[in-house]
């Protein structure tokens, strides 16, 4: 990644964008899962509907909110952006941004799940009974998260972040199908999905294992990124914010799920 200067957009506004984007993403994931389960008893059809809605919704959210906050919607993306920019004279993400983004993403994810539950006349908070603790599912999360980190930051390092909405949305939609875990790849979204006992849910007891697998996947993705793309490209001119938009050098992405 080739981080540019800190965005002139106020930190409170950027944190609100991260809260809103993460909440909307979880609302899409959970809501489309509920709708799919109500319309079909075929699990394959349910997963297809859920994955298509998530991929499309994520792409739209990146397009809309990237110019404000970078459209991370994912603590691992935020942490990676911060770590990769530590040695830059004008870092793309500073410690105070990190301290604002992470709570906003977690709160947004929980709020999005509550909103989806309420829209379908379900209890606002209903802990999931969907156990996802099997080792092969955790391996799926490692793979899904590593791939997501590589996709996002490879584009940033090549100065091709204009492709982020399509690339990240497409990756997440595809990873629903080629990973055993259906690609959560996002600790905040994982937390949010624990409070909905629906198609997209995950049992609270499975959350720590998933988050540990996601952290391992992010580390693996970072190593792959360093080997495959060792030299960040010169960042493109900023269209008014270092936090993204099509030409920004900052990752415009975030990620996710079922």
Protein backbone atom coordinates (compact mmCIF):
# COMPACT_ATOMS: atom_id res chain seq x y z
CA UNK A 1 0.00 0.00 0.00
CA UNK A 2 1.14 3.56 -0.72
CA UNK A 3 -0.55 5.70 1.93
CA UNK A 4 -0.98 9.40 1.33
CA UNK A 5 -1.58 12.23 3.76
CA UNK A 6 -4.28 12.06 6.43
CA UNK A 7 -7.68 13.00 5.07
CA UNK A 8 -8.87 16.57 5.62
CA UNK A 9 -12.29 15.15 6.45
CA UNK A 10 -12.88 15.45 10.21
CA UNK A 11 -12.24 12.37 12.32
CA UNK A 12 -15.77 12.35 13.76
CA UNK A 13 -17.22 12.36 10.26
CA UNK A 14 -14.91 9.56 9.16
CA UNK A 15 -15.80 7.47 12.21
CA UNK A 16 -19.48 8.03 11.47
CA UNK A 17 -18.91 6.82 7.91
CA UNK A 18 -17.26 3.66 9.26
CA UNK A 19 -20.12 3.11 11.70
CA UNK A 20 -22.73 3.66 8.98
CA UNK A 21 -20.97 1.55 6.37
CA UNK A 22 -20.36 -1.38 8.71
CA UNK A 23 -23.95 -1.21 9.98
CA UNK A 24 -25.28 -1.16 6.42
CA UNK A 25 -23.04 -4.06 5.42
CA UNK A 26 -24.26 -6.25 8.29
CA UNK A 27 -27.85 -5.23 7.58
CA UNK A 28 -27.38 -6.43 4.00
CA UNK A 29 -25.79 -9.71 5.08
CA UNK A 30 -28.31 -10.55 7.78
CA UNK A 31 -31.38 -9.12 6.04
CA UNK A 32 -30.72 -10.87 2.74
CA UNK A 33 -30.12 -14.11 4.62
CA UNK A 34 -33.46 -13.80 6.40
CA UNK A 35 -35.26 -12.98 3.17
CA UNK A 36 -33.58 -15.84 1.30
CA UNK A 37 -34.52 -18.34 4.02
CA UNK A 38 -38.14 -17.13 3.94
CA UNK A 39 -38.42 -17.55 0.17
CA UNK A 40 -36.66 -20.88 -0.37
CA UNK A 41 -35.95 -24.07 1.55
CA UNK A 42 -33.00 -24.85 -0.74
CA UNK A 43 -29.79 -23.97 1.13
CA UNK A 44 -27.95 -23.49 -2.16
CA UNK A 45 -30.48 -20.94 -3.33
CA UNK A 46 -30.33 -19.22 0.06
CA UNK A 47 -26.55 -18.94 -0.12
CA UNK A 48 -26.69 -17.69 -3.70
CA UNK A 49 -29.12 -14.93 -2.80
CA UNK A 50 -27.13 -14.01 0.30
CA UNK A 51 -23.80 -13.90 -1.53
CA UNK A 52 -25.11 -11.84 -4.47
CA UNK A 53 -26.74 -9.30 -2.17
CA UNK A 54 -23.60 -9.02 -0.04
CA UNK A 55 -21.25 -8.61 -3.00
CA UNK A 56 -23.41 -5.96 -4.63
CA UNK A 57 -24.13 -4.15 -1.37
CA UNK A 58 -20.47 -4.06 -0.40
CA UNK A 59 -19.47 -2.63 -3.78
CA UNK A 60 -22.07 0.13 -3.50
CA UNK A 61 -21.02 1.02 0.05
CA UNK A 62 -17.37 1.29 -1.01
CA UNK A 63 -18.27 3.60 -3.89
CA UNK A 64 -20.40 5.85 -1.68
CA UNK A 65 -18.28 6.04 1.49
CA UNK A 66 -14.69 5.62 0.28
CA UNK A 67 -14.23 9.38 -0.29
CA UNK A 68 -15.12 10.00 3.37
CA UNK A 69 -13.36 7.30 5.40
CA UNK A 70 -11.68 4.89 2.99
CA UNK A 71 -14.57 2.45 3.39
CA UNK A 72 -12.74 -0.06 5.56
CA UNK A 73 -15.77 -1.48 7.43
CA UNK A 74 -13.36 -4.05 8.83
CA UNK A 75 -10.97 -3.80 11.82
CA UNK A 76 -8.38 -5.93 10.03
CA UNK A 77 -8.30 -3.58 7.05
CA UNK A 78 -7.92 -0.63 9.41
CA UNK A 79 -5.14 -2.33 11.38
CA UNK A 80 -3.34 -3.32 8.18
CA UNK A 81 -3.58 0.23 6.81
CA UNK A 82 -2.16 1.57 10.08
CA UNK A 83 0.68 -0.95 10.29
CA UNK A 84 1.71 -0.57 6.65
CA UNK A 85 1.83 3.22 7.01
CA UNK A 86 3.80 3.40 10.26
CA UNK A 87 7.05 4.50 8.56
CA UNK A 88 5.51 7.04 6.21
CA UNK A 89 6.24 10.71 6.82
CA UNK A 90 2.56 11.49 6.12
CA UNK A 91 0.80 8.31 7.22
CA UNK A 92 -2.52 7.37 5.70
CA UNK A 93 -3.86 6.32 9.10
CA UNK A 94 -2.74 7.55 12.50
CA UNK A 95 -3.22 6.11 15.97
CA UNK A 96 -6.12 8.41 16.76
CA UNK A 97 -7.86 7.27 13.58
CA UNK A 98 -7.36 3.68 14.65
CA UNK A 99 -8.85 4.43 18.07
CA UNK A 100 -11.93 5.95 16.43
CA UNK A 101 -12.43 3.46 13.60
CA UNK A 102 -12.35 0.19 15.55
CA UNK A 103 -15.13 1.00 18.06
CA UNK A 104 -17.21 2.56 15.29
CA UNK A 105 -16.97 -0.61 13.21
CA UNK A 106 -17.87 -2.88 16.14
CA UNK A 107 -20.82 -0.70 17.16
CA UNK A 108 -21.95 -0.46 13.55
CA UNK A 109 -21.90 -4.23 13.10
CA UNK A 110 -24.02 -4.82 16.19
CA UNK A 111 -26.43 -2.06 15.17
CA UNK A 112 -26.77 -3.49 11.67
CA UNK A 113 -27.72 -6.92 13.00
CA UNK A 114 -30.27 -5.40 15.39
CA UNK A 115 -31.77 -3.36 12.53
CA UNK A 116 -32.06 -6.40 10.26
CA UNK A 117 -33.74 -8.40 13.02
CA UNK A 118 -36.20 -5.60 13.68
CA UNK A 119 -37.09 -5.16 10.00
CA UNK A 120 -38.20 -8.79 9.86
CA UNK A 121 -40.14 -8.66 13.16
CA UNK A 122 -37.58 -10.79 15.00
CA UNK A 123 -36.24 -10.13 18.52
CA UNK A 124 -33.79 -7.22 18.28
CA UNK A 125 -31.07 -9.29 19.96
CA UNK A 126 -31.22 -13.04 19.62
CA UNK A 127 -27.97 -14.96 20.10
CA UNK A 128 -27.28 -17.39 17.29
CA UNK A 129 -27.27 -21.15 17.82
CA UNK A 130 -25.32 -21.75 14.59
CA UNK A 131 -22.11 -23.48 15.70
CA UNK A 132 -19.15 -22.73 13.43
CA UNK A 133 -16.27 -24.09 15.51
CA UNK A 134 -15.06 -26.98 13.33
CA UNK A 135 -11.35 -26.80 12.36
CA UNK A 136 -12.07 -26.85 8.62
CA UNK A 137 -14.26 -23.76 9.03
CA UNK A 138 -11.45 -21.94 10.83
CA UNK A 139 -9.09 -22.88 8.00
CA UNK A 140 -11.63 -21.41 5.60
CA UNK A 141 -11.52 -18.13 7.53
CA UNK A 142 -7.72 -18.03 7.36
CA UNK A 143 -7.86 -18.44 3.58
CA UNK A 144 -10.73 -15.97 3.10
CA UNK A 145 -9.08 -13.25 5.19
CA UNK A 146 -5.63 -13.67 3.66
CA UNK A 147 -7.13 -13.31 0.20
CA UNK A 148 -9.10 -10.22 1.17
CA UNK A 149 -6.01 -8.44 2.54
CA UNK A 150 -4.03 -9.24 -0.60
CA UNK A 151 -6.80 -8.01 -2.90
CA UNK A 152 -7.28 -4.71 -1.08
CA UNK A 153 -3.66 -3.75 -0.55
CA UNK A 154 -2.35 -5.11 -3.84
CA UNK A 155 -4.71 -2.71 -5.59
CA UNK A 156 -3.55 0.13 -3.34
CA UNK A 157 0.13 -0.62 -3.98
CA UNK A 158 -0.47 -0.65 -7.72
CA UNK A 159 -2.41 2.62 -7.66
CA UNK A 160 -5.52 0.83 -8.95
CA UNK A 161 -7.98 1.53 -6.13
CA UNK A 162 -10.60 2.59 -8.67
CA UNK A 163 -11.16 -1.15 -9.10
CA UNK A 164 -11.74 -1.74 -5.37
CA UNK A 165 -15.57 -1.76 -5.40
CA UNK A 166 -15.73 -4.42 -8.11
CA UNK A 167 -12.68 -6.38 -6.96
CA UNK A 168 -13.53 -6.50 -3.25
CA UNK A 169 -17.23 -7.10 -3.79
CA UNK A 170 -16.42 -9.79 -6.34
CA UNK A 171 -13.89 -11.45 -4.06
CA UNK A 172 -16.29 -11.60 -1.12
CA UNK A 173 -19.12 -12.90 -3.31
CA UNK A 174 -16.83 -15.59 -4.70
CA UNK A 175 -15.35 -16.51 -1.32
CA UNK A 176 -18.84 -17.30 -0.06
CA UNK A 177 -18.60 -20.31 -2.33
CA UNK A 178 -14.98 -21.46 -2.33
CA UNK A 179 -14.36 -21.28 1.44
CA UNK A 180 -15.90 -23.66 3.95
CA UNK A 181 -16.68 -20.79 6.33
CA UNK A 182 -18.52 -18.74 3.66
CA UNK A 183 -15.99 -15.96 4.17
CA UNK A 184 -16.76 -13.74 7.12
CA UNK A 185 -13.19 -12.33 6.97
CA UNK A 186 -14.14 -9.49 9.34
CA UNK A 187 -14.08 -9.47 13.17
CA UNK A 188 -16.69 -6.70 13.47
CA UNK A 189 -19.12 -8.47 11.15
CA UNK A 190 -18.48 -11.73 13.01
CA UNK A 191 -19.44 -10.01 16.27
CA UNK A 192 -22.58 -8.54 14.72
CA UNK A 193 -23.70 -11.85 13.29
CA UNK A 194 -23.59 -13.42 16.75
CA UNK A 195 -26.70 -11.49 17.80
CA UNK A 196 -29.00 -12.83 15.10
CA UNK A 197 -30.29 -16.39 15.19
CA UNK A 198 -30.88 -16.51 11.45
CA UNK A 199 -29.29 -17.89 8.29
CA UNK A 200 -26.24 -15.64 8.63
CA UNK A 201 -25.71 -16.12 12.36
CA UNK A 202 -22.78 -17.52 14.29
CA UNK A 203 -22.93 -18.85 17.85
CA UNK A 204 -21.19 -16.56 20.36
CA UNK A 205 -19.00 -19.47 21.44
CA UNK A 206 -17.66 -19.72 17.87
CA UNK A 207 -16.74 -16.03 17.65
CA UNK A 208 -13.30 -16.16 19.39
CA UNK A 209 -12.11 -18.97 17.13
CA UNK A 210 -13.28 -17.15 14.02
CA UNK A 211 -11.59 -13.91 15.04
CA UNK A 212 -8.34 -15.76 15.84
CA UNK A 213 -8.46 -17.40 12.41
CA UNK A 214 -9.10 -14.01 10.80
CA UNK A 215 -6.10 -12.49 12.57
CA UNK A 216 -3.94 -15.38 11.36
CA UNK A 217 -5.27 -14.91 7.85
CA UNK A 218 -4.54 -11.18 7.94
CA UNK A 219 -0.94 -11.91 9.00
CA UNK A 220 -0.58 -14.43 6.18
CA UNK A 221 -2.06 -11.96 3.71
CA UNK A 222 0.42 -9.32 4.88
CA UNK A 223 3.33 -11.70 4.28
CA UNK A 224 2.08 -12.55 0.80
CA UNK A 225 1.64 -8.86 0.05
CA UNK A 226 5.22 -8.11 1.11
CA UNK A 227 6.58 -10.84 -1.15
CA UNK A 228 4.36 -10.24 -4.18
CA UNK A 229 4.20 -6.44 -4.05
CA UNK A 230 7.29 -5.24 -2.14
CA UNK A 231 7.44 -1.73 -3.60
CA UNK A 232 4.38 0.47 -3.21
CA UNK A 233 3.67 2.58 -6.26
CA UNK A 234 3.63 6.36 -6.16
CA UNK A 235 0.26 7.41 -4.71
CA UNK A 236 -2.16 9.07 -7.08
CA UNK A 237 -3.37 12.62 -6.64
CA UNK A 238 -5.99 12.98 -3.94
CA UNK A 239 -9.49 14.13 -4.94
CA UNK A 240 -9.90 15.97 -1.65
CA UNK A 241 -9.33 13.10 0.76
CA UNK A 242 -6.57 10.64 1.49
CA UNK A 243 -9.16 8.10 2.54
CA UNK A 244 -10.03 6.78 -0.77
CA UNK A 245 -12.26 7.51 -3.68
CA UNK A 246 -11.28 5.97 -6.97
CA UNK A 247 -7.89 7.70 -7.26
CA UNK A 248 -6.77 7.53 -3.66
CA UNK A 249 -3.82 5.47 -2.53
CA UNK A 250 -5.64 4.25 0.54
CA UNK A 251 -7.51 0.91 0.49
CA UNK A 252 -11.15 1.38 -0.38
CA UNK A 253 -12.61 -1.72 1.09
CA UNK A 254 -13.81 -3.82 3.85
CA UNK A 255 -15.19 -7.10 4.05
CA UNK A 256 -17.16 -9.89 5.06
CA UNK A 257 -19.30 -12.94 4.82
CA UNK A 258 -21.82 -15.59 5.40
